[in-house]
Amino acid sequence: MRIIGLSVALLAIAACGGSSDATAPPAPPSPTASPTQVTVNATPELTFTPSTTTIAPGGTIAFAFGSVAHNVYFDATAGAPADIAGQNVNSRVSVTFPTAGTYVYHCHIHPQMTGTIIVAATSTPSDSTGGGTGGYTYP
């Protein structure tokens, strides 16, 4: 009988112990390495897609121009690459970004078209980065 009483007492103590149901708050998203190559599409809908992207220092952005003429002019910022002048149609122009920083660009033909390139070693999952061609086929 004493063993049964001791067993009941131990079970009661165990039942009163701390709960393991408490959960820790979720960890913030881990930064990931920024890609080294991204395609930005200058669309017939007069947008740059993605409008903001992050790449690693030394990375390359390929600007894909479709059937509507566009160009790319960077704001005067230290480390900004050369502009892509002219009326670019059905072509791709690659630009390398060796220096970390934020680079804003515009299409002078369609002033409402703007975009931003962030050059950083890491990005968080909330950064809008992209590759691919957004459904458009370019030569």
Protein backbone atom coordinates (compact mmCIF):
# COMPACT_ATOMS: atom_id res chain seq x y z
CA MET A 1 0.00 0.00 0.00
CA ARG A 2 2.90 2.28 0.74
CA ILE A 3 4.23 1.80 -2.82
CA ILE A 4 0.85 2.75 -4.30
CA GLY A 5 0.73 5.90 -2.13
CA LEU A 6 4.27 6.84 -3.16
CA SER A 7 3.41 6.28 -6.83
CA VAL A 8 0.31 8.48 -6.55
CA ALA A 9 2.35 11.20 -4.84
CA LEU A 10 5.03 11.11 -7.57
CA LEU A 11 2.39 11.30 -10.31
CA ALA A 12 0.77 14.27 -8.57
CA ILE A 13 4.09 16.08 -8.35
CA ALA A 14 4.83 15.38 -12.01
CA ALA A 15 1.39 16.65 -13.05
CA CYS A 16 1.98 19.92 -11.22
CA GLY A 17 5.29 20.51 -12.97
CA GLY A 18 5.86 23.26 -15.55
CA SER A 19 4.01 23.06 -18.81
CA SER A 20 5.88 22.44 -22.02
CA ASP A 21 3.07 24.13 -24.02
CA ALA A 22 4.73 27.55 -23.81
CA THR A 23 6.27 28.47 -27.14
CA ALA A 24 9.09 30.86 -27.78
CA PRO A 25 8.41 33.77 -30.12
CA PRO A 26 9.35 33.00 -33.73
CA ALA A 27 12.91 33.79 -34.69
CA PRO A 28 13.38 36.64 -37.16
CA PRO A 29 14.06 35.53 -40.74
CA SER A 30 17.68 34.65 -41.32
CA PRO A 31 19.52 36.78 -43.84
CA THR A 32 20.56 34.94 -46.97
CA ALA A 33 23.31 35.58 -49.44
CA SER A 34 22.22 38.02 -52.13
CA PRO A 35 22.11 36.62 -55.66
CA THR A 36 24.84 37.54 -58.10
CA GLN A 37 22.60 37.66 -61.20
CA VAL A 38 19.09 39.07 -61.52
CA THR A 39 16.94 39.98 -64.51
CA VAL A 40 14.90 43.20 -64.45
CA ASN A 41 12.25 43.39 -67.16
CA ALA A 42 11.25 46.69 -68.79
CA THR A 43 7.67 45.73 -69.55
CA PRO A 44 5.17 46.88 -72.20
CA GLU A 45 2.98 47.88 -69.22
CA LEU A 46 5.62 50.56 -68.49
CA THR A 47 7.08 49.09 -65.31
CA PHE A 48 10.41 47.66 -64.24
CA THR A 49 9.84 44.18 -62.76
CA PRO A 50 10.89 43.66 -60.07
CA SER A 51 10.88 47.33 -59.13
CA THR A 52 13.29 46.77 -56.23
CA THR A 53 15.91 44.05 -56.13
CA THR A 54 18.97 43.17 -54.09
CA ILE A 55 22.20 41.72 -55.48
CA ALA A 56 25.63 40.98 -54.06
CA PRO A 57 28.54 43.37 -54.67
CA GLY A 58 30.04 42.47 -58.05
CA GLY A 59 26.66 41.09 -59.14
CA THR A 60 25.04 41.68 -62.51
CA ILE A 61 21.60 42.97 -63.45
CA ALA A 62 20.40 42.02 -66.93
CA PHE A 63 17.91 44.62 -68.13
CA ALA A 64 15.56 42.86 -70.56
CA PHE A 65 13.87 45.17 -73.04
CA GLY A 66 10.82 43.87 -74.92
CA SER A 67 8.82 45.26 -77.83
CA VAL A 68 8.43 48.75 -76.31
CA ALA A 69 11.46 51.09 -76.32
CA HIS A 70 12.99 51.86 -72.91
CA ASN A 71 16.23 53.12 -71.43
CA VAL A 72 17.80 53.24 -67.95
CA TYR A 73 19.30 56.33 -66.33
CA PHE A 74 20.77 56.10 -62.83
CA ASP A 75 20.53 58.92 -60.28
CA ALA A 76 23.87 60.63 -59.66
CA THR A 77 25.16 58.39 -56.85
CA ALA A 78 28.75 57.41 -56.12
CA GLY A 79 29.38 53.97 -57.57
CA ALA A 80 26.42 54.07 -59.99
CA PRO A 81 27.09 52.31 -63.29
CA ALA A 82 26.84 53.91 -66.72
CA ASP A 83 23.37 54.68 -68.07
CA ILE A 84 21.75 52.56 -70.77
CA ALA A 85 20.88 55.30 -73.24
CA GLY A 86 18.89 55.15 -76.45
CA GLN A 87 15.70 53.34 -77.31
CA ASN A 88 16.32 49.72 -76.46
CA VAL A 89 13.94 47.18 -78.03
CA ASN A 90 14.02 43.36 -77.98
CA SER A 91 17.44 43.25 -76.33
CA ARG A 92 19.24 42.57 -73.04
CA VAL A 93 21.89 44.79 -71.50
CA SER A 94 23.87 43.57 -68.48
CA VAL A 95 25.25 45.97 -65.89
CA THR A 96 27.68 45.04 -63.09
CA PHE A 97 27.44 46.66 -59.65
CA PRO A 98 30.85 46.42 -57.91
CA THR A 99 30.09 48.82 -55.06
CA ALA A 100 27.62 48.32 -52.20
CA GLY A 101 24.89 50.96 -52.10
CA THR A 102 21.39 51.84 -53.26
CA TYR A 103 20.92 52.85 -56.88
CA VAL A 104 17.70 54.43 -58.15
CA TYR A 105 17.01 54.45 -61.88
CA HIS A 106 14.40 55.77 -64.34
CA CYS A 107 13.33 55.40 -67.94
CA HIS A 108 13.62 58.82 -69.63
CA ILE A 109 11.14 57.76 -72.31
CA HIS A 110 8.52 56.85 -69.66
CA PRO A 111 9.28 59.00 -66.55
CA GLN A 112 6.82 57.06 -64.36
CA MET A 113 9.05 53.98 -64.70
CA THR A 114 11.44 53.80 -61.75
CA GLY A 115 13.34 51.09 -59.94
CA THR A 116 15.85 50.54 -57.16
CA ILE A 117 18.83 48.22 -56.95
CA ILE A 118 20.28 47.49 -53.53
CA VAL A 119 23.80 46.12 -53.61
CA ALA A 120 24.48 44.28 -50.35
CA ALA A 121 26.16 41.03 -49.32
CA THR A 122 23.00 39.68 -47.67
CA SER A 123 19.28 40.14 -48.04
CA THR A 124 16.30 39.18 -45.93
CA PRO A 125 13.40 37.13 -47.27
CA SER A 126 11.28 40.28 -47.44
CA ASP A 127 13.55 41.81 -50.10
CA SER A 128 12.02 41.69 -53.53
CA THR A 129 14.55 39.93 -55.65
CA GLY A 130 13.87 38.19 -58.83
CA GLY A 131 15.16 36.37 -61.75
CA GLY A 132 13.57 34.92 -64.79
CA THR A 133 11.79 36.83 -67.48
CA GLY A 134 8.36 37.50 -65.99
CA GLY A 135 6.60 35.65 -68.77
CA TYR A 136 8.26 37.55 -71.61
CA THR A 137 10.57 35.99 -74.13
CA TYR A 138 13.55 38.01 -75.30
CA PRO A 139 16.09 37.12 -77.97
